[in-house]
Every structure is written in structure tokens, then in C-alpha cells.
Amino acid sequence: PDLAVVQDEHLLQYMRCACYPSPVFYDALDDKVGLLKLIPGTPAAVLEFMLDRFDGLVIESFGVGGLPEYGNLYEILRTAVERGKIIVMTTQVQNEGSDLSVYSIGHRLKGNPRVLEAYDMTTEAAYAKMMWILGQTRDAERVSRLFYTPVAHDILYRG
């Protein structure tokens, strides 16, 4: 939505944004964040490959979230998370958002502090946010807090 408009030489602000007394600049981004769009039959080796090379991984899953039950994708993810990797689960379905509580495999992922859920955040916003966050910290609790803190209305709903 428009933040404001100028009408009759007056600024009409529709949305007020939090402002700091002075600008805060960040120059640290982690360029080792990957994006995996799952397709039917995605081999487990692809997930392993990406998790070996990236600090964080955004996974566009099927439906509203979760991993397919074929292969050992869940075990690969669990092992990567134990090694300190950060995972963001999102959906390929436009305008639907993710909800890991719908399917049984999602239930197994939900609640792990290193597995985040994008909810209504776009894939692009989740990816950029993870690059910024992992450039600041690797602490799972702080990563989660920063991820779920709205920036420019990037996330509106949190299950």
C-alpha cells in the first residue's frame, strides 16, 4: 500500500513507519543462503548438496508446507539443523502462505528453533531477510526473533 500521498500541498500519511533518530546502516550480508524449489521427485542428493554449501536454506515446499515423505529428506534436514543450518519453509502457492501444522511431516519440523516458517512472507522477502539476518548473527533464538519481526510489512500473519 501507499505510505502517503501529497494532496493540496499536504502530506497525508496512511501508514506510519517507526523512525530512528538517525539512520542505521548494515553492510554485512551472508551470501551463502540458498533457495530450493521442490518439484515432484526432487532427489535427496539435491537437498544434501545445498545444505553442505549454504549457511541457510529457503525451501519452497508443496502446498502449505512440509517435505515429501519419500527418500530421507526429513532426516537430511534434521541432521543439517543439528549442524547449525537455518531453514526457512515457505510455499510455492501464491497468496496462500505456509502452515506447517497442516501435514504430519510439517508437524515434525514445526517447533525446531532452526526451522522457520515464512507464513505470508514472499519467497524473495524471506531470502533477502535471511541474508541480512545471517550476516548479523547465527544464534538460533536471535535469528528467529529477527525473522519474525516485521520489516516494511513483509510478514503480517504469524501462526
Protein backbone atom coordinates (compact mmCIF):
# COMPACT_ATOMS: atom_id res chain seq x y z
CA PRO A 1 0.00 0.00 0.00
CA ASP A 2 0.97 3.62 -0.41
CA LEU A 3 2.70 5.00 2.64
CA ALA A 4 1.48 8.50 1.92
CA VAL A 5 0.27 10.88 -0.77
CA VAL A 6 0.64 14.59 -1.34
CA GLN A 7 -2.73 16.26 -1.69
CA ASP A 8 -3.32 20.01 -1.81
CA GLU A 9 0.30 20.59 -0.80
CA HIS A 10 -0.14 18.47 2.36
CA LEU A 11 1.41 15.13 3.15
CA LEU A 12 -1.27 12.58 4.05
CA GLN A 13 0.41 9.65 5.74
CA TYR A 14 -1.59 6.42 5.61
CA MET A 15 0.98 4.29 7.33
CA ARG A 16 3.38 5.45 9.96
CA CYS A 17 6.78 3.79 9.99
CA ALA A 18 8.99 3.59 13.03
CA CYS A 19 11.85 6.01 12.66
CA TYR A 20 15.15 6.02 14.42
CA PRO A 21 16.82 9.28 15.47
CA SER A 22 19.43 8.66 12.79
CA PRO A 23 19.80 6.09 10.00
CA VAL A 24 21.16 2.65 10.83
CA PHE A 25 23.28 1.12 8.08
CA TYR A 26 24.12 -2.57 7.73
CA ASP A 27 26.80 -3.78 5.40
CA ALA A 28 27.02 -7.44 6.40
CA LEU A 29 25.09 -9.92 4.28
CA ASP A 30 25.59 -13.67 4.19
CA ASP A 31 25.72 -14.61 0.52
CA LYS A 32 25.62 -18.30 1.45
CA VAL A 33 21.84 -18.56 1.60
CA GLY A 34 20.29 -20.96 -0.89
CA LEU A 35 16.86 -21.41 -2.40
CA LEU A 36 15.42 -24.82 -3.24
CA LYS A 37 12.14 -25.11 -5.10
CA LEU A 38 10.88 -28.65 -4.54
CA ILE A 39 9.43 -30.47 -7.52
CA PRO A 40 7.97 -33.98 -7.53
CA GLY A 41 10.84 -36.44 -7.36
CA THR A 42 13.48 -33.98 -6.11
CA PRO A 43 16.36 -36.29 -5.19
CA ALA A 44 17.60 -36.25 -1.60
CA ALA A 45 21.11 -35.62 -3.01
CA VAL A 46 19.99 -32.14 -4.15
CA LEU A 47 18.97 -31.22 -0.60
CA GLU A 48 22.23 -32.63 0.79
CA PHE A 49 24.25 -30.73 -1.81
CA MET A 50 22.60 -27.42 -0.95
CA LEU A 51 22.83 -27.91 2.81
CA ASP A 52 26.54 -28.71 2.52
CA ARG A 53 27.20 -25.44 0.70
CA PHE A 54 24.90 -22.91 2.35
CA ASP A 55 24.55 -21.47 5.87
CA GLY A 56 20.80 -21.12 5.44
CA LEU A 57 18.29 -22.56 3.01
CA VAL A 58 14.86 -21.31 1.95
CA ILE A 59 12.76 -24.26 0.80
CA GLU A 60 9.69 -23.70 -1.36
CA SER A 61 7.65 -26.73 -0.41
CA PHE A 62 4.48 -28.27 -1.76
CA GLY A 63 1.09 -26.95 -0.68
CA VAL A 64 1.18 -25.09 2.61
CA GLY A 65 4.40 -26.65 3.83
CA GLY A 66 6.31 -29.72 4.74
CA LEU A 67 8.57 -32.13 2.95
CA PRO A 68 7.62 -35.07 0.78
CA GLU A 69 7.81 -38.34 2.69
CA TYR A 70 9.81 -40.19 0.01
CA GLY A 71 13.54 -40.59 0.48
CA ASN A 72 15.10 -39.36 3.68
CA LEU A 73 14.56 -35.61 3.21
CA TYR A 74 13.40 -35.12 6.79
CA GLU A 75 16.48 -36.87 8.20
CA ILE A 76 18.79 -34.82 5.97
CA LEU A 77 17.12 -31.64 7.22
CA ARG A 78 17.26 -32.75 10.85
CA THR A 79 20.98 -33.52 10.58
CA ALA A 80 21.69 -30.16 8.91
CA VAL A 81 19.80 -28.31 11.63
CA GLU A 82 21.86 -30.13 14.27
CA ARG A 83 24.97 -28.85 12.44
CA GLY A 84 23.69 -25.27 12.86
CA LYS A 85 22.00 -24.68 9.50
CA ILE A 86 18.96 -22.38 9.42
CA ILE A 87 15.99 -23.49 7.30
CA VAL A 88 13.02 -21.40 6.16
CA MET A 89 9.98 -23.29 4.94
CA THR A 90 7.71 -21.45 2.53
CA THR A 91 5.21 -22.37 -0.14
CA GLN A 92 5.02 -22.23 -3.92
CA VAL A 93 1.32 -21.37 -3.73
CA GLN A 94 0.77 -17.67 -4.32
CA ASN A 95 -1.38 -15.82 -1.79
CA GLU A 96 -1.79 -18.87 0.44
CA GLY A 97 1.10 -18.73 2.89
CA SER A 98 2.71 -21.60 4.73
CA ASP A 99 1.29 -23.59 7.62
CA LEU A 100 3.47 -26.44 8.86
CA SER A 101 0.73 -27.61 11.21
CA VAL A 102 -1.44 -28.95 8.34
CA TYR A 103 0.52 -32.07 7.33
CA SER A 104 2.18 -34.65 9.57
CA ILE A 105 5.65 -34.02 8.13
CA GLY A 106 5.21 -30.33 8.85
CA HIS A 107 4.39 -31.14 12.48
CA ARG A 108 7.80 -32.81 12.78
CA LEU A 109 9.51 -29.63 11.54
CA LYS A 110 7.45 -27.12 13.50
CA GLY A 111 8.85 -26.13 16.85
CA ASN A 112 12.50 -26.57 15.91
CA PRO A 113 14.13 -23.18 16.55
CA ARG A 114 16.30 -23.54 13.45
CA VAL A 115 13.33 -24.26 11.16
CA LEU A 116 11.45 -21.06 10.47
CA GLU A 117 8.14 -20.69 8.72
CA ALA A 118 7.57 -17.87 6.23
CA TYR A 119 3.76 -17.76 6.74
CA ASP A 120 2.61 -14.98 4.36
CA MET A 121 6.09 -13.64 3.62
CA THR A 122 7.11 -13.88 -0.04
CA THR A 123 9.99 -16.14 -1.00
CA GLU A 124 12.00 -13.10 -2.08
CA ALA A 125 11.45 -11.33 1.24
CA ALA A 126 12.35 -14.46 3.22
CA TYR A 127 15.52 -14.95 1.16
CA ALA A 128 16.71 -11.35 1.48
CA LYS A 129 15.85 -11.28 5.18
CA MET A 130 17.86 -14.45 5.80
CA MET A 131 20.88 -12.98 4.02
CA TRP A 132 20.67 -9.94 6.29
CA ILE A 133 19.99 -11.90 9.50
CA LEU A 134 22.79 -14.43 8.96
CA GLY A 135 25.09 -11.51 8.30
CA GLN A 136 24.30 -10.31 11.84
CA THR A 137 24.06 -13.50 13.93
CA ARG A 138 23.98 -17.31 13.98
CA ASP A 139 22.23 -17.57 17.36
CA ALA A 140 19.02 -19.53 16.68
CA GLU A 141 16.90 -17.56 19.14
CA ARG A 142 18.03 -14.20 17.77
CA VAL A 143 17.65 -15.42 14.17
CA SER A 144 14.06 -16.43 14.92
CA ARG A 145 13.27 -13.15 16.68
CA LEU A 146 14.68 -11.09 13.79
CA PHE A 147 12.96 -13.22 11.16
CA TYR A 148 9.54 -12.80 12.74
CA THR A 149 9.97 -9.06 13.33
CA PRO A 150 8.06 -7.30 10.54
CA VAL A 151 10.10 -5.03 8.28
CA ALA A 152 8.06 -2.88 5.90
CA HIS A 153 5.05 -5.21 6.40
CA ASP A 154 6.91 -8.22 4.96
CA ILE A 155 5.12 -10.57 7.35
CA LEU A 156 1.59 -9.89 8.53
CA TYR A 157 0.48 -13.24 9.91
CA ARG A 158 2.33 -15.46 12.36
CA GLY A 159 0.52 -18.71 13.17
